[in-house]
Amino acid sequence: MKTCPTCKKPIKEPVSTENKQWLPFCCERCKLIDFGAWLDGSHAIPGDETIVLPDDQDDSFRSH
């Protein structure tokens, strides 16, 4: 049985057409909680830190 990655509630199968839009979550609320965790940095994919050097910056938005 599948479970919601946010609240761990079991997801009953077969999933109704109405609830398929939230998979792999059980509802919109759990989907939004997960999305918010990505936005605030609680969820992150590990990797090397990126350092932006002055020569790498895009000057197209600076006024001349």
Protein backbone atom coordinates (compact mmCIF):
# COMPACT_ATOMS: atom_id res chain seq x y z
CA MET A 1 0.00 0.00 0.00
CA LYS A 2 1.29 3.47 -0.91
CA THR A 3 1.56 6.16 1.74
CA CYS A 4 1.59 9.93 1.48
CA PRO A 5 5.20 11.20 1.75
CA THR A 6 4.05 14.16 3.88
CA CYS A 7 1.58 12.77 6.42
CA LYS A 8 2.27 9.02 5.95
CA LYS A 9 -1.47 8.34 5.63
CA PRO A 10 -2.22 5.23 3.53
CA ILE A 11 -3.45 5.97 0.02
CA LYS A 12 -6.28 3.58 -0.78
CA GLU A 13 -6.24 1.96 -4.18
CA PRO A 14 -7.77 2.23 -6.65
CA VAL A 15 -7.28 5.99 -6.40
CA SER A 16 -10.35 7.98 -7.38
CA THR A 17 -10.18 10.23 -10.43
CA GLU A 18 -10.68 13.20 -8.11
CA ASN A 19 -7.63 12.31 -5.98
CA LYS A 20 -5.26 11.29 -8.80
CA GLN A 21 -4.28 14.94 -9.25
CA TRP A 22 -2.50 14.94 -5.86
CA LEU A 23 -0.43 11.76 -6.29
CA PRO A 24 1.95 10.83 -4.76
CA PHE A 25 0.30 12.89 -1.98
CA CYS A 26 -3.07 12.16 -0.42
CA CYS A 27 -4.46 15.68 -0.85
CA GLU A 28 -3.73 19.23 -1.95
CA ARG A 29 -2.71 20.24 1.58
CA CYS A 30 0.08 17.64 1.75
CA LYS A 31 1.26 18.59 -1.74
CA LEU A 32 1.47 22.27 -0.73
CA ILE A 33 3.31 21.44 2.51
CA ASP A 34 5.92 19.55 0.49
CA PHE A 35 6.20 22.37 -2.06
CA GLY A 36 6.71 24.89 0.75
CA ALA A 37 9.52 22.75 2.20
CA TRP A 38 11.34 22.89 -1.16
CA LEU A 39 10.84 26.67 -1.34
CA ASP A 40 12.17 27.38 2.14
CA GLY A 41 15.15 25.03 1.72
CA SER A 42 13.99 22.34 4.15
CA HIS A 43 14.17 19.87 1.24
CA ALA A 44 17.31 20.09 -0.84
CA ILE A 45 19.33 17.88 -3.12
CA PRO A 46 22.89 17.65 -1.78
CA GLY A 47 25.65 18.97 -3.97
CA ASP A 48 28.69 21.19 -4.08
CA GLU A 49 28.22 24.83 -3.15
CA THR A 50 28.24 27.17 -6.13
CA ILE A 51 30.38 30.28 -5.83
CA VAL A 52 29.63 33.12 -8.22
CA LEU A 53 32.72 35.14 -9.06
CA PRO A 54 32.42 38.79 -10.18
CA ASP A 55 33.47 37.84 -13.76
CA ASP A 56 30.62 35.29 -13.92
CA GLN A 57 27.86 37.77 -13.15
CA ASP A 58 25.43 38.87 -15.84
CA ASP A 59 25.86 42.60 -16.53
CA SER A 60 22.79 42.87 -18.77
CA PHE A 61 20.63 44.26 -15.94
CA ARG A 62 23.05 46.91 -14.73
CA SER A 63 22.52 50.47 -15.86
CA HIS A 64 25.47 52.04 -17.67
